[in-house]
Protein backbone atom coordinates (compact mmCIF):
# COMPACT_ATOMS: atom_id res chain seq x y z
CA MET A 1 5.45 42.14 44.57
CA LEU A 2 4.50 38.44 45.10
CA SER A 3 2.67 38.14 41.98
CA ASN A 4 5.57 39.70 39.88
CA GLU A 5 7.88 37.04 41.32
CA LEU A 6 5.22 34.06 40.30
CA GLU A 7 4.87 35.73 36.95
CA ASN A 8 8.68 35.83 36.19
CA ASP A 9 9.56 32.45 37.87
CA PRO A 10 10.72 30.16 35.03
CA SER A 11 9.98 27.01 36.76
CA GLU A 12 6.22 27.84 37.01
CA LYS A 13 6.31 28.27 33.25
CA THR A 14 8.01 25.04 32.48
CA VAL A 15 5.48 23.12 34.58
CA LEU A 16 2.77 24.63 32.59
CA GLU A 17 4.49 23.96 29.26
CA VAL A 18 4.97 20.31 30.16
CA LYS A 19 1.28 20.02 31.18
CA GLU A 20 0.33 21.48 27.86
CA LYS A 21 2.57 19.31 25.89
CA LYS A 22 1.08 16.22 27.70
CA LYS A 23 -2.43 17.51 26.56
CA LYS A 24 -1.37 17.95 23.17
CA LYS A 25 0.45 14.58 22.90
CA PHE A 26 -2.64 12.24 22.66
CA ASN A 27 -4.03 13.07 19.13
CA ILE A 28 -5.01 10.56 16.58
CA PRO A 29 -3.80 11.45 13.05
CA PHE A 30 -7.04 10.62 11.12
CA MET A 31 -5.64 12.07 7.76
CA LYS A 32 -2.51 10.01 7.82
CA SER A 33 -4.44 6.83 8.94
CA ALA A 34 -7.31 7.60 6.15
CA ASN A 35 -4.30 7.57 3.34
CA LEU A 36 -3.12 4.40 4.80
CA PHE A 37 -6.77 2.81 4.71
CA VAL A 38 -7.40 4.26 1.12
CA GLY A 39 -4.22 2.52 -0.11
CA MET A 40 -5.27 -0.87 1.50
CA PHE A 41 -8.81 -0.79 -0.14
CA LEU A 42 -7.26 0.16 -3.35
CA ILE A 43 -4.74 -2.76 -3.03
CA PHE A 44 -7.63 -5.14 -2.14
CA PHE A 45 -9.93 -4.25 -4.86
CA PHE A 46 -8.10 -3.09 -7.65
CA PHE A 47 -4.75 -4.91 -7.41
CA PHE A 48 -5.81 -8.36 -5.97
CA GLY A 49 -9.11 -8.11 -7.83
CA PHE A 50 -7.26 -7.71 -11.05
CA ILE A 51 -4.99 -10.61 -10.45
CA CYS A 52 -8.02 -12.83 -9.36
CA ASN A 53 -9.99 -11.97 -12.56
CA SER A 54 -7.21 -12.64 -14.78
CA GLY A 55 -6.56 -15.94 -16.70
CA GLU A 56 -8.96 -17.88 -19.01
CA GLN A 57 -10.17 -20.16 -16.18
CA PHE A 58 -8.58 -18.89 -12.79
CA LYS A 59 -9.14 -22.06 -10.79
CA GLN A 60 -7.84 -24.38 -13.55
CA GLN A 61 -4.53 -22.46 -14.03
CA ASP A 62 -3.50 -22.62 -10.59
CA PRO A 63 -3.34 -19.08 -9.56
CA GLY A 64 -1.78 -19.78 -6.54
CA ASN A 65 1.63 -18.38 -7.45
CA LYS A 66 0.19 -15.32 -8.72
CA LEU A 67 -1.62 -14.78 -5.30
CA LEU A 68 0.81 -16.18 -2.97
CA PHE A 69 3.89 -14.82 -4.80
CA VAL A 70 2.48 -11.52 -6.22
CA TYR A 71 5.58 -10.84 -8.22
CA THR A 72 4.75 -13.91 -10.56
CA ALA A 73 1.80 -11.93 -11.78
CA PHE A 74 4.21 -8.97 -13.17
CA ILE A 75 5.53 -11.50 -15.60
CA ASN A 76 2.54 -13.49 -16.37
CA ILE A 77 0.87 -13.27 -19.96
CA ASP A 78 -2.35 -14.50 -19.09
CA LYS A 79 -5.36 -12.24 -20.37
CA PHE A 80 -7.64 -10.16 -18.26
CA ASN A 81 -11.18 -12.30 -18.21
CA PRO A 82 -13.37 -10.53 -15.53
CA LEU A 83 -15.40 -13.56 -14.17
CA GLY A 84 -19.22 -13.14 -14.22
CA LEU A 85 -18.81 -9.65 -15.91
CA TYR A 86 -20.21 -9.15 -19.43
CA LEU A 87 -18.65 -6.16 -21.04
CA PRO A 88 -20.48 -4.30 -23.99
CA GLY A 89 -18.77 -4.76 -27.45
CA VAL A 90 -17.24 -1.30 -27.28
CA LEU A 91 -14.95 -2.60 -24.38
CA ASP A 92 -13.85 -5.76 -25.99
CA TRP A 93 -10.28 -4.59 -25.82
CA VAL A 94 -10.34 -5.12 -22.07
CA TYR A 95 -9.98 -8.91 -22.50
CA LEU A 96 -6.82 -8.32 -24.48
CA ILE A 97 -5.16 -6.58 -21.53
CA PRO A 98 -2.39 -9.00 -19.99
CA LEU A 99 -1.89 -9.84 -16.32
CA TRP A 100 1.75 -8.14 -16.44
CA THR A 101 -0.17 -4.87 -16.49
CA SER A 102 -1.00 -5.53 -12.94
CA ILE A 103 2.52 -4.04 -12.17
CA PHE A 104 1.32 -0.67 -13.56
CA VAL A 105 -1.76 -0.76 -11.17
CA PHE A 106 0.38 -1.68 -8.29
CA PHE A 107 2.94 1.10 -9.08
CA GLY A 108 0.27 3.52 -9.75
CA ILE A 109 -1.44 2.91 -6.40
CA GLY A 110 1.89 3.33 -4.44
CA VAL A 111 2.44 6.58 -6.37
CA TYR A 112 -1.20 7.83 -5.59
CA GLN A 113 -0.63 6.92 -1.79
CA ALA A 114 2.44 8.62 -1.59
CA TYR A 115 1.34 11.70 -3.40
CA ARG A 116 -1.34 12.24 -0.62
CA GLU A 117 1.14 12.60 2.12
CA ASP A 118 2.85 15.74 2.97
CA PHE A 119 6.43 14.49 3.67
CA LEU A 120 8.52 12.27 1.82
CA VAL A 121 9.45 10.16 4.63
CA TYR A 122 5.90 9.46 5.56
CA ALA A 123 5.12 8.52 1.94
CA ILE A 124 8.13 5.78 2.14
CA LYS A 125 7.09 4.87 5.49
CA ASN A 126 3.42 4.09 4.63
CA ASN A 127 4.52 2.13 1.35
CA ILE A 128 6.84 -0.11 3.64
CA ILE A 129 3.84 -0.53 5.89
CA MET A 130 1.66 -1.38 2.55
CA VAL A 131 3.96 -4.00 1.57
CA VAL A 132 3.73 -5.98 4.77
CA PHE A 133 -0.21 -5.49 4.36
CA ILE A 134 0.21 -7.05 0.66
CA ILE A 135 2.18 -9.94 2.03
CA VAL A 136 -0.34 -10.70 4.71
CA LEU A 137 -3.30 -10.20 2.34
CA SER A 138 -1.68 -12.86 -0.21
CA TRP A 139 -1.60 -15.35 2.56
CA ILE A 140 -5.27 -14.60 3.33
CA TRP A 141 -6.40 -14.73 -0.25
CA TYR A 142 -4.31 -18.04 -0.92
CA SER A 143 -5.54 -19.87 2.31
CA TRP A 144 -9.19 -18.79 1.65
CA LEU A 145 -9.26 -19.94 -2.08
CA TYR A 146 -7.55 -23.15 -1.55
CA SER A 147 -8.77 -23.88 2.02
CA ALA A 148 -5.47 -24.27 3.30
CA LEU A 149 -4.39 -23.59 6.89
CA ILE A 150 -2.88 -20.07 7.05
CA PHE A 151 0.02 -21.38 9.13
CA LYS A 152 0.92 -23.75 6.24
CA VAL A 153 0.71 -21.02 3.91
CA ILE A 154 3.09 -18.90 5.98
CA TRP A 155 5.33 -21.82 6.20
CA TRP A 156 5.45 -22.34 2.33
CA TYR A 157 6.20 -18.66 2.12
CA PHE A 158 9.28 -18.38 4.17
CA THR A 159 10.53 -22.09 3.35
CA SER A 160 10.56 -20.83 -0.47
CA ILE A 161 13.08 -18.76 -2.15
CA HIS A 162 10.30 -17.13 -4.08
CA GLY A 163 8.75 -15.75 -0.71
CA TYR A 164 11.93 -13.71 -0.05
CA PHE A 165 12.36 -12.56 -3.70
CA ASN A 166 8.69 -11.68 -3.70
CA ILE A 167 9.33 -9.48 -0.56
CA PHE A 168 12.24 -7.85 -2.35
CA VAL A 169 10.29 -7.18 -5.55
CA LEU A 170 7.50 -5.57 -3.59
CA LEU A 171 9.67 -3.46 -1.74
CA PHE A 172 11.58 -2.18 -4.83
CA VAL A 173 8.56 -1.22 -6.80
CA TYR A 174 6.27 0.12 -3.92
CA VAL A 175 9.15 1.95 -2.33
CA GLY A 176 10.08 3.32 -5.77
CA ALA A 177 6.51 4.33 -6.16
CA GLY A 178 6.81 6.28 -2.87
CA LEU A 179 9.75 7.97 -4.03
CA LEU A 180 8.22 9.04 -7.28
CA GLY A 181 4.96 10.13 -5.50
CA GLY A 182 6.89 12.04 -3.08
CA TYR A 183 9.02 13.71 -5.60
CA LEU A 184 5.75 14.61 -7.60
CA LYS A 185 4.55 16.23 -4.38
CA ILE A 186 7.69 18.25 -3.85
CA ARG A 187 7.77 19.28 -7.37
CA LYS A 188 4.14 20.62 -7.13
CA TYR A 189 4.89 22.42 -3.86
CA LEU A 190 7.91 23.99 -5.09
CA LYS A 191 6.02 25.19 -8.52
CA GLU A 192 3.24 26.83 -6.21
CA HIS A 193 5.67 28.65 -3.76
CA GLN A 194 8.23 30.12 -6.24
CA ILE A 195 9.44 33.54 -5.13
């Protein structure tokens, strides 16, 4: 009789459920973190690498605006010139790629990163986080290439109208890429799960 009362006691069950929830609460979503890190590496190597290897002579053309205010790379007509890399004759067309095509590299990375997420909200959230990472990375690249103090670079960034315009353009392009990537994922899901 006593054991039946304990089994039917709702307060005992809720205590056990709360303990189970506390146990389950601590988990690290490695896959979601992996998607964010993949996006960071793609931005670092492909996007900023593309910008840094563009221009006839990168150091002489003052690439500071292209690095610090990334949106200026989207409207620049310099040609891609990979420094220290000699391409075979078949790939001569690579030298004709203008720098403004970096917006497609940027947009493509955003779509890819958003497509890897399961939910549209996570895709947009990760893309907004990536914009912050891109801005901080542009400060680091600029301060490293020009031996400027990072605090001065941040000061220049936020005291210029270009800094705020850069944030707006990056958010617009990358969140738009997140929406497109999430939409493509939803379309794929609906196509696979038709009734």
